[in-house]
C-alpha atoms as a PDB file:
ATOM      1  CA  MET A   1      58.981 -32.922  67.481  1.00  0.00           C
ATOM      2  CA  ALA A   2      58.220 -31.936  63.894  1.00  0.00           C
ATOM      3  CA  ARG A   3      61.591 -30.368  63.441  1.00  0.00           C
ATOM      4  CA  ARG A   4      63.517 -33.653  63.468  1.00  0.00           C
ATOM      5  CA  PRO A   5      62.071 -34.984  60.188  1.00  0.00           C
ATOM      6  CA  VAL A   6      62.662 -31.598  58.594  1.00  0.00           C
ATOM      7  CA  ARG A   7      66.230 -31.565  59.842  1.00  0.00           C
ATOM      8  CA  GLY A   8      66.635 -35.105  58.535  1.00  0.00           C
ATOM      9  CA  LEU A   9      65.390 -34.073  55.118  1.00  0.00           C
ATOM     10  CA  VAL A  10      67.777 -31.141  55.054  1.00  0.00           C
ATOM     11  CA  ILE A  11      70.716 -33.366  55.949  1.00  0.00           C
ATOM     12  CA  ALA A  12      69.675 -35.904  53.303  1.00  0.00           C
ATOM     13  CA  GLY A  13      69.381 -33.118  50.741  1.00  0.00           C
ATOM     14  CA  VAL A  14      72.850 -31.841  51.609  1.00  0.00           C
ATOM     15  CA  VAL A  15      74.279 -35.360  51.297  1.00  0.00           C
ATOM     16  CA  VAL A  16      72.644 -35.818  47.880  1.00  0.00           C
ATOM     17  CA  LEU A  17      73.900 -32.446  46.650  1.00  0.00           C
ATOM     18  CA  ALA A  18      77.384 -33.240  47.924  1.00  0.00           C
ATOM     19  CA  ALA A  19      77.309 -36.613  46.135  1.00  0.00           C
ATOM     20  CA  VAL A  20      76.138 -34.999  42.902  1.00  0.00           C
ATOM     21  CA  ALA A  21      78.818 -32.315  43.177  1.00  0.00           C
ATOM     22  CA  ALA A  22      81.446 -34.970  43.871  1.00  0.00           C
ATOM     23  CA  PHE A  23      80.284 -36.919  40.815  1.00  0.00           C
ATOM     24  CA  PHE A  24      80.545 -33.919  38.519  1.00  0.00           C
ATOM     25  CA  VAL A  25      83.934 -32.954  39.957  1.00  0.00           C
ATOM     26  CA  GLY A  26      85.084 -36.525  39.394  1.00  0.00           C
ATOM     27  CA  ASP A  27      83.648 -36.467  35.880  1.00  0.00           C
ATOM     28  CA  ALA A  28      85.504 -33.232  35.099  1.00  0.00           C
ATOM     29  CA  ILE A  29      88.760 -34.807  36.293  1.00  0.00           C
ATOM     30  CA  ALA A  30      88.079 -37.934  34.231  1.00  0.00           C
ATOM     31  CA  ARG A  31      87.301 -35.771  31.192  1.00  0.00           C
ATOM     32  CA  ALA A  32      90.608 -33.921  31.479  1.00  0.00           C
ATOM     33  CA  ILE A  33      92.521 -37.208  31.794  1.00  0.00           C
ATOM     34  CA  VAL A  34      90.749 -38.775  28.807  1.00  0.00           C
ATOM     35  CA  GLN A  35      91.219 -35.705  26.622  1.00  0.00           C
ATOM     36  CA  ASP A  36      94.930 -35.587  27.459  1.00  0.00           C
ATOM     37  CA  ARG A  37      95.209 -39.300  26.657  1.00  0.00           C
ATOM     38  CA  VAL A  38      93.493 -38.841  23.289  1.00  0.00           C
ATOM     39  CA  ARG A  39      95.822 -35.950  22.430  1.00  0.00           C
ATOM     40  CA  ASP A  40      98.939 -37.922  23.441  1.00  0.00           C
ATOM     41  CA  THR A  41      97.798 -40.921  21.384  1.00  0.00           C
ATOM     42  CA  ILE A  42      97.292 -38.788  18.263  1.00  0.00           C
ATOM     43  CA  VAL A  43     100.711 -37.147  18.669  1.00  0.00           C
ATOM     44  CA  SER A  44     102.388 -40.538  19.146  1.00  0.00           C
ATOM     45  CA  GLU A  45     100.608 -42.427  16.341  1.00  0.00           C
ATOM     46  CA  LEU A  46     101.014 -39.657  13.769  1.00  0.00           C
ATOM     47  CA  ALA A  47     104.581 -38.789  14.806  1.00  0.00           C
ATOM     48  CA  LEU A  48     103.626 -35.146  15.360  1.00  0.00           C
ATOM     49  CA  PRO A  49     105.820 -32.680  17.282  1.00  0.00           C
ATOM     50  CA  SER A  50     105.435 -33.063  21.036  1.00  0.00           C
ATOM     51  CA  ASP A  51     104.271 -29.450  21.315  1.00  0.00           C
ATOM     52  CA  GLN A  52     101.603 -29.796  18.606  1.00  0.00           C
ATOM     53  CA  ARG A  53      98.439 -28.157  19.899  1.00  0.00           C
ATOM     54  CA  ILE A  54      95.402 -30.418  19.599  1.00  0.00           C
ATOM     55  CA  ASP A  55      92.033 -29.475  21.067  1.00  0.00           C
ATOM     56  CA  VAL A  56      90.010 -32.483  22.201  1.00  0.00           C
ATOM     57  CA  ALA A  57      86.394 -32.448  23.395  1.00  0.00           C
ATOM     58  CA  VAL A  58      84.500 -35.489  24.679  1.00  0.00           C
ATOM     59  CA  GLY A  59      80.708 -35.284  24.566  1.00  0.00           C
ATOM     60  CA  GLY A  60      78.423 -36.315  27.420  1.00  0.00           C
ATOM     61  CA  LEU A  61      79.307 -37.550  30.887  1.00  0.00           C
ATOM     62  CA  VAL A  62      82.657 -39.311  30.773  1.00  0.00           C
ATOM     63  CA  ILE A  63      82.537 -41.689  33.741  1.00  0.00           C
ATOM     64  CA  PRO A  64      79.535 -43.713  32.444  1.00  0.00           C
ATOM     65  CA  GLN A  65      81.243 -43.978  29.052  1.00  0.00           C
ATOM     66  CA  LEU A  66      84.429 -45.258  30.694  1.00  0.00           C
ATOM     67  CA  VAL A  67      82.376 -47.894  32.489  1.00  0.00           C
ATOM     68  CA  VAL A  68      80.884 -49.044  29.165  1.00  0.00           C
ATOM     69  CA  GLY A  69      84.311 -48.891  27.484  1.00  0.00           C
ATOM     70  CA  ARG A  70      83.504 -46.523  24.613  1.00  0.00           C
ATOM     71  CA  LEU A  71      83.363 -42.765  24.120  1.00  0.00           C
ATOM     72  CA  ASP A  72      80.204 -41.790  22.253  1.00  0.00           C
ATOM     73  CA  ASP A  73      81.571 -38.668  20.553  1.00  0.00           C
ATOM     74  CA  VAL A  74      85.086 -37.218  20.376  1.00  0.00           C
ATOM     75  CA  HIS A  75      85.836 -33.961  18.580  1.00  0.00           C
ATOM     76  CA  VAL A  76      89.434 -33.152  17.625  1.00  0.00           C
ATOM     77  CA  ALA A  77      90.815 -29.965  16.077  1.00  0.00           C
ATOM     78  CA  ALA A  78      94.389 -28.919  15.316  1.00  0.00           C
ATOM     79  CA  GLU A  79      95.982 -26.128  13.302  1.00  0.00           C
ATOM     80  CA  ASP A  80      99.053 -26.353  11.071  1.00  0.00           C
ATOM     81  CA  VAL A  81      99.339 -30.131  11.157  1.00  0.00           C
ATOM     82  CA  ALA A  82     102.110 -31.428   8.892  1.00  0.00           C
ATOM     83  CA  LEU A  83     101.848 -35.004   7.648  1.00  0.00           C
ATOM     84  CA  GLU A  84     103.967 -36.544   4.916  1.00  0.00           C
ATOM     85  CA  GLY A  85     102.820 -34.868   1.702  1.00  0.00           C
ATOM     86  CA  LEU A  86      99.987 -32.862   3.241  1.00  0.00           C
ATOM     87  CA  SER A  87      99.593 -30.026   5.726  1.00  0.00           C
ATOM     88  CA  GLY A  88      96.731 -27.874   6.954  1.00  0.00           C
ATOM     89  CA  ASP A  89      94.186 -27.398   9.710  1.00  0.00           C
ATOM     90  CA  ILE A  90      92.443 -30.646  10.625  1.00  0.00           C
ATOM     91  CA  GLU A  91      89.131 -31.183  12.379  1.00  0.00           C
ATOM     92  CA  GLY A  92      87.376 -34.471  13.021  1.00  0.00           C
ATOM     93  CA  ASP A  93      84.548 -36.215  14.866  1.00  0.00           C
ATOM     94  CA  ALA A  94      84.807 -39.871  15.893  1.00  0.00           C
ATOM     95  CA  HIS A  95      82.087 -42.067  17.348  1.00  0.00           C
ATOM     96  CA  GLY A  96      82.200 -45.161  19.549  1.00  0.00           C
ATOM     97  CA  VAL A  97      85.892 -44.754  20.382  1.00  0.00           C
ATOM     98  CA  PRO A  98      87.151 -47.674  22.551  1.00  0.00           C
ATOM     99  CA  THR A  99      88.817 -46.786  25.853  1.00  0.00           C
ATOM    100  CA  ARG A 100      90.529 -49.992  26.916  1.00  0.00           C
ATOM    101  CA  GLY A 101      92.314 -53.072  25.662  1.00  0.00           C
ATOM    102  CA  ASP A 102      93.368 -53.658  22.080  1.00  0.00           C
ATOM    103  CA  ASP A 103      89.907 -52.968  20.687  1.00  0.00           C
ATOM    104  CA  VAL A 104      90.334 -50.379  17.923  1.00  0.00           C
ATOM    105  CA  THR A 105      87.002 -50.889  16.177  1.00  0.00           C
ATOM    106  CA  ALA A 106      85.806 -47.291  16.388  1.00  0.00           C
ATOM    107  CA  LEU A 107      82.412 -46.799  14.793  1.00  0.00           C
ATOM    108  CA  GLY A 108      83.531 -44.438  12.058  1.00  0.00           C
ATOM    109  CA  ALA A 109      84.346 -40.751  11.849  1.00  0.00           C
ATOM    110  CA  THR A 110      84.348 -37.706   9.626  1.00  0.00           C
ATOM    111  CA  ALA A 111      87.227 -35.298   9.128  1.00  0.00           C
ATOM    112  CA  THR A 112      87.895 -32.005   7.396  1.00  0.00           C
ATOM    113  CA  ILE A 113      91.245 -30.683   6.160  1.00  0.00           C
ATOM    114  CA  ARG A 114      91.522 -26.957   5.443  1.00  0.00           C
ATOM    115  CA  MET A 115      94.533 -25.894   3.388  1.00  0.00           C
ATOM    116  CA  ASP A 116      95.613 -22.342   2.630  1.00  0.00           C
ATOM    117  CA  ALA A 117      97.362 -21.346  -0.602  1.00  0.00           C
ATOM    118  CA  GLU A 118     100.794 -22.104   0.847  1.00  0.00           C
ATOM    119  CA  ASP A 119      99.668 -25.590   1.899  1.00  0.00           C
ATOM    120  CA  VAL A 120      98.285 -26.252  -1.592  1.00  0.00           C
ATOM    121  CA  ASP A 121     101.545 -24.970  -3.133  1.00  0.00           C
ATOM    122  CA  ALA A 122     103.461 -27.516  -1.068  1.00  0.00           C
ATOM    123  CA  LEU A 123     101.000 -30.261  -2.023  1.00  0.00           C
ATOM    124  CA  LEU A 124     101.378 -29.577  -5.759  1.00  0.00           C
ATOM    125  CA  ALA A 125     105.157 -29.681  -5.388  1.00  0.00           C
ATOM    126  CA  THR A 126     104.840 -33.347  -4.377  1.00  0.00           C
ATOM    127  CA  ALA A 127     101.873 -34.236  -6.600  1.00  0.00           C
ATOM    128  CA  GLY A 128     103.947 -34.633  -9.774  1.00  0.00           C
ATOM    129  CA  GLY A 129     102.105 -35.597 -12.945  1.00  0.00           C
ATOM    130  CA  GLU A 130     100.820 -32.737 -15.085  1.00  0.00           C
ATOM    131  CA  TRP A 131     101.869 -30.135 -12.528  1.00  0.00           C
ATOM    132  CA  THR A 132     105.579 -30.656 -13.219  1.00  0.00           C
ATOM    133  CA  SER A 133     105.230 -29.506 -16.849  1.00  0.00           C
ATOM    134  CA  TRP A 134     104.632 -25.876 -15.805  1.00  0.00           C
ATOM    135  CA  GLY A 135     107.435 -25.510 -13.297  1.00  0.00           C
ATOM    136  CA  ASP A 136     106.678 -23.453 -10.212  1.00  0.00           C
ATOM    137  CA  VAL A 137     102.887 -23.071  -9.898  1.00  0.00           C
ATOM    138  CA  SER A 138     101.406 -20.383  -7.654  1.00  0.00           C
ATOM    139  CA  VAL A 139      97.985 -20.802  -6.099  1.00  0.00           C
ATOM    140  CA  ALA A 140      95.266 -18.370  -5.004  1.00  0.00           C
ATOM    141  CA  LEU A 141      91.986 -19.420  -3.393  1.00  0.00           C
ATOM    142  CA  PRO A 142      89.459 -16.638  -3.898  1.00  0.00           C
ATOM    143  CA  GLY A 143      86.551 -19.101  -4.111  1.00  0.00           C
ATOM    144  CA  PRO A 144      84.524 -20.783  -5.369  1.00  0.00           C
ATOM    145  CA  ALA A 145      87.324 -21.618  -7.839  1.00  0.00           C
ATOM    146  CA  ALA A 146      91.052 -21.788  -7.299  1.00  0.00           C
ATOM    147  CA  THR A 147      93.423 -19.829  -9.509  1.00  0.00           C
ATOM    148  CA  PHE A 148      96.731 -21.275 -10.696  1.00  0.00           C
ATOM    149  CA  SER A 149      99.520 -19.312 -12.387  1.00  0.00           C
ATOM    150  CA  ALA A 150     102.946 -20.132 -13.803  1.00  0.00           C
ATOM    151  CA  GLU A 151     105.468 -18.974 -16.398  1.00  0.00           C
ATOM    152  CA  ILE A 152     105.740 -20.980 -19.623  1.00  0.00           C
ATOM    153  CA  ASN A 153     108.203 -20.737 -22.489  1.00  0.00           C
ATOM    154  CA  VAL A 154     106.715 -19.902 -25.897  1.00  0.00           C
ATOM    155  CA  PHE A 155     109.281 -19.646 -28.715  1.00  0.00           C
ATOM    156  CA  GLY A 156     111.942 -18.555 -26.236  1.00  0.00           C
ATOM    157  CA  ALA A 157     109.752 -15.966 -24.533  1.00  0.00           C
ATOM    158  CA  SER A 158     108.455 -16.333 -20.997  1.00  0.00           C
ATOM    159  CA  LEU A 159     104.700 -15.757 -20.829  1.00  0.00           C
ATOM    160  CA  PRO A 160     102.296 -15.952 -17.880  1.00  0.00           C
ATOM    161  CA  LEU A 161      99.922 -18.908 -17.847  1.00  0.00           C
ATOM    162  CA  GLU A 162      96.838 -18.624 -15.638  1.00  0.00           C
ATOM    163  CA  PHE A 163      93.753 -20.741 -15.247  1.00  0.00           C
ATOM    164  CA  SER A 164      90.927 -21.059 -12.773  1.00  0.00           C
ATOM    165  CA  ALA A 165      89.594 -24.425 -11.701  1.00  0.00           C
ATOM    166  CA  VAL A 166      86.782 -25.661  -9.475  1.00  0.00           C
ATOM    167  CA  PRO A 167      87.716 -28.446  -7.011  1.00  0.00           C
ATOM    168  CA  GLY A 168      85.729 -31.642  -6.849  1.00  0.00           C
ATOM    169  CA  VAL A 169      86.000 -35.400  -6.352  1.00  0.00           C
ATOM    170  CA  SER A 170      86.362 -37.978  -9.127  1.00  0.00           C
ATOM    171  CA  ASP A 171      86.839 -41.703  -8.476  1.00  0.00           C
ATOM    172  CA  GLY A 172      88.012 -40.933  -4.945  1.00  0.00           C
ATOM    173  CA  ASP A 173      90.612 -38.359  -6.055  1.00  0.00           C
ATOM    174  CA  VAL A 174      90.584 -34.644  -5.301  1.00  0.00           C
ATOM    175  CA  VAL A 175      90.640 -32.950  -8.706  1.00  0.00           C
ATOM    176  CA  VAL A 176      90.335 -29.463 -10.146  1.00  0.00           C
ATOM    177  CA  VAL A 177      88.533 -28.898 -13.429  1.00  0.00           C
ATOM    178  CA  PRO A 178      90.207 -26.113 -15.477  1.00  0.00           C
ATOM    179  CA  ASP A 179      87.848 -23.411 -16.652  1.00  0.00           C
ATOM    180  CA  ALA A 180      89.175 -20.059 -17.912  1.00  0.00           C
ATOM    181  CA  VAL A 181      92.698 -20.497 -19.367  1.00  0.00           C
ATOM    182  CA  ARG A 182      94.833 -17.490 -20.305  1.00  0.00           C
ATOM    183  CA  ILE A 183      98.294 -17.029 -21.773  1.00  0.00           C
ATOM    184  CA  GLY A 184      99.193 -13.400 -21.275  1.00  0.00           C
ATOM    185  CA  ASP A 185      96.130 -11.431 -22.391  1.00  0.00           C
ATOM    186  CA  LEU A 186      94.839 -14.215 -24.621  1.00  0.00           C
ATOM    187  CA  GLU A 187      91.966 -16.335 -23.299  1.00  0.00           C
ATOM    188  CA  LEU A 188      91.871 -19.879 -24.677  1.00  0.00           C
ATOM    189  CA  ASP A 189      88.884 -22.131 -25.280  1.00  0.00           C
ATOM    190  CA  ALA A 190      89.041 -25.898 -25.774  1.00  0.00           C
ATOM    191  CA  ALA A 191      89.875 -25.579 -29.501  1.00  0.00           C
ATOM    192  CA  SER A 192      92.596 -22.991 -28.821  1.00  0.00           C
ATOM    193  CA  ILE A 193      94.172 -25.196 -26.156  1.00  0.00           C
ATOM    194  CA  ALA A 194      94.478 -28.021 -28.684  1.00  0.00           C
ATOM    195  CA  GLN A 195      96.195 -25.661 -31.160  1.00  0.00           C
ATOM    196  CA  ALA A 196      98.433 -23.844 -28.658  1.00  0.00           C
ATOM    197  CA  PRO A 197     102.157 -23.584 -29.549  1.00  0.00           C
ATOM    198  CA  VAL A 198     102.994 -25.356 -26.282  1.00  0.00           C
ATOM    199  CA  ASP A 199     101.479 -28.546 -24.902  1.00  0.00           C
ATOM    200  CA  LEU A 200      98.500 -27.525 -22.766  1.00  0.00           C
ATOM    201  CA  SER A 201      96.536 -30.714 -23.335  1.00  0.00           C
ATOM    202  CA  ALA A 202      96.493 -31.422 -19.595  1.00  0.00           C
ATOM    203  CA  LEU A 203      94.235 -28.399 -19.139  1.00  0.00           C
ATOM    204  CA  ALA A 204      91.538 -30.052 -21.243  1.00  0.00           C
ATOM    205  CA  GLN A 205      90.788 -32.559 -18.469  1.00  0.00           C
ATOM    206  CA  PRO A 206      90.549 -32.667 -14.661  1.00  0.00           C
ATOM    207  CA  LEU A 207      93.877 -32.324 -12.837  1.00  0.00           C
ATOM    208  CA  THR A 208      94.557 -34.517  -9.823  1.00  0.00           C
ATOM    209  CA  VAL A 209      95.496 -32.662  -6.634  1.00  0.00           C
ATOM    210  CA  CYS A 210      95.302 -35.586  -4.199  1.00  0.00           C
ATOM    211  CA  ARG A 211      95.173 -39.277  -5.126  1.00  0.00           C
ATOM    212  CA  GLY A 212      92.610 -41.179  -3.097  1.00  0.00           C
ATOM    213  CA  ASP A 213      94.512 -44.459  -3.371  1.00  0.00           C
ATOM    214  CA  THR A 214      97.356 -42.995  -1.289  1.00  0.00           C
ATOM    215  CA  LEU A 215      95.074 -42.422   1.697  1.00  0.00           C
ATOM    216  CA  PRO A 216      95.045 -45.009   4.504  1.00  0.00           C
ATOM    217  CA  SER A 217      92.655 -47.922   4.224  1.00  0.00           C
ATOM    218  CA  GLY A 218      89.132 -46.990   5.258  1.00  0.00           C
ATOM    219  CA  VAL A 219      89.555 -43.277   4.466  1.00  0.00           C
ATOM    220  CA  GLU A 220      87.507 -41.867   1.582  1.00  0.00           C
ATOM    221  CA  VAL A 221      87.320 -38.365   0.127  1.00  0.00           C
ATOM    222  CA  THR A 222      83.676 -37.273   0.033  1.00  0.00           C
ATOM    223  CA  ALA A 223      83.881 -33.632  -1.066  1.00  0.00           C
ATOM    224  CA  ALA A 224      86.277 -30.815  -1.965  1.00  0.00           C
ATOM    225  CA  ASP A 225      85.620 -27.112  -2.396  1.00  0.00           C
ATOM    226  CA  VAL A 226      87.080 -23.659  -1.768  1.00  0.00           C
ATOM    227  CA  SER A 227      85.716 -21.731   1.211  1.00  0.00           C
ATOM    228  CA  ASP A 228      87.122 -18.740   3.123  1.00  0.00           C
ATOM    229  CA  GLU A 229      90.310 -18.841   1.016  1.00  0.00           C
ATOM    230  CA  ARG A 230      90.954 -22.441   1.962  1.00  0.00           C
ATOM    231  CA  LEU A 231      90.855 -25.671  -0.036  1.00  0.00           C
ATOM    232  CA  VAL A 232      88.514 -27.790   2.064  1.00  0.00           C
ATOM    233  CA  ILE A 233      88.774 -31.579   1.757  1.00  0.00           C
ATOM    234  CA  ARG A 234      86.144 -33.654   3.550  1.00  0.00           C
ATOM    235  CA  LEU A 235      86.793 -37.264   4.502  1.00  0.00           C
ATOM    236  CA  ALA A 236      84.734 -40.219   5.735  1.00  0.00           C
ATOM    237  CA  LEU A 237      86.499 -42.794   7.912  1.00  0.00           C
ATOM    238  CA  ALA A 238      85.006 -46.270   7.952  1.00  0.00           C
ATOM    239  CA  ASP A 239      84.269 -48.374  11.030  1.00  0.00           C
ATOM    240  CA  GLY A 240      87.497 -49.679  12.501  1.00  0.00           C
ATOM    241  CA  PHE A 241      89.635 -46.912  10.984  1.00  0.00           C
ATOM    242  CA  LEU A 242      91.766 -46.721  14.146  1.00  0.00           C
ATOM    243  CA  ASP A 243      93.278 -50.079  13.211  1.00  0.00           C
ATOM    244  CA  GLY A 244      95.305 -48.300  10.490  1.00  0.00           C
ATOM    245  CA  ILE A 245      95.933 -44.954  12.140  1.00  0.00           C
ATOM    246  CA  GLU A 246      99.698 -45.482  12.059  1.00  0.00           C
ATOM    247  CA  THR A 247      99.604 -45.390   8.241  1.00  0.00           C
ATOM    248  CA  PHE A 248      98.626 -41.719   8.377  1.00  0.00           C
ATOM    249  CA  ASP A 249     102.293 -40.817   8.761  1.00  0.00           C
ATOM    250  CA  ALA A 250     103.067 -42.418   5.384  1.00  0.00           C
ATOM    251  CA  ALA A 251     102.944 -40.422   2.137  1.00  0.00           C
ATOM    252  CA  ILE A 252      99.502 -38.914   1.594  1.00  0.00           C
ATOM    253  CA  CYS A 253      98.040 -37.552  -1.668  1.00  0.00           C
ATOM    254  CA  ALA A 254     101.280 -37.795  -3.658  1.00  0.00           C
END
């Protein structure tokens, strides 16, 4: 007679385990669907190539978050993303992302853009301003400073110009602050720059690499540095930033 309650407990335990397994299987399916939807939305809104690889990870159990209508944490990473005026590897974390309706009031995010020397070359080609006065500028990113080199004309002779500069942020812009300046084998200080036979006055002040006022509304540059041979630009995205996500495909930085 004692075996029946035991058998009943075993059956109940099996039912509970089956329900839990079914829940987690269902949650895994929901996670895959949500992550695919996030990827497709990013590709569509930013006008990226249809085959652009974007890795999406949603934190926590997905089904309860779908019931509430918001995803607590979404991590996105993509390599070789090309937007208008800017390209590089992009990584971001968004919080409180809405899952239904027209509600786009996400609760803010952070993002990081990592640009190699070729990406920075392309960025300077569109930056204009002081950069155009030296023609074709080559970039190296040994860290912690960046190194820029070009050929300048001095009394009809072509001489190599090279300067190092540490990236930073000033008034929302990504800037580099020139440090060691050389023309050929001659190293110039601030006084020498002022007396140089060619106009190098731009090297006496920070040079703008990316203008903050060209970024979409709600996006702010918080830091810039060189790490692992990449120019790393860190961004903060304000609450509700998804409302202007379509403006990311407009000109950026230039």
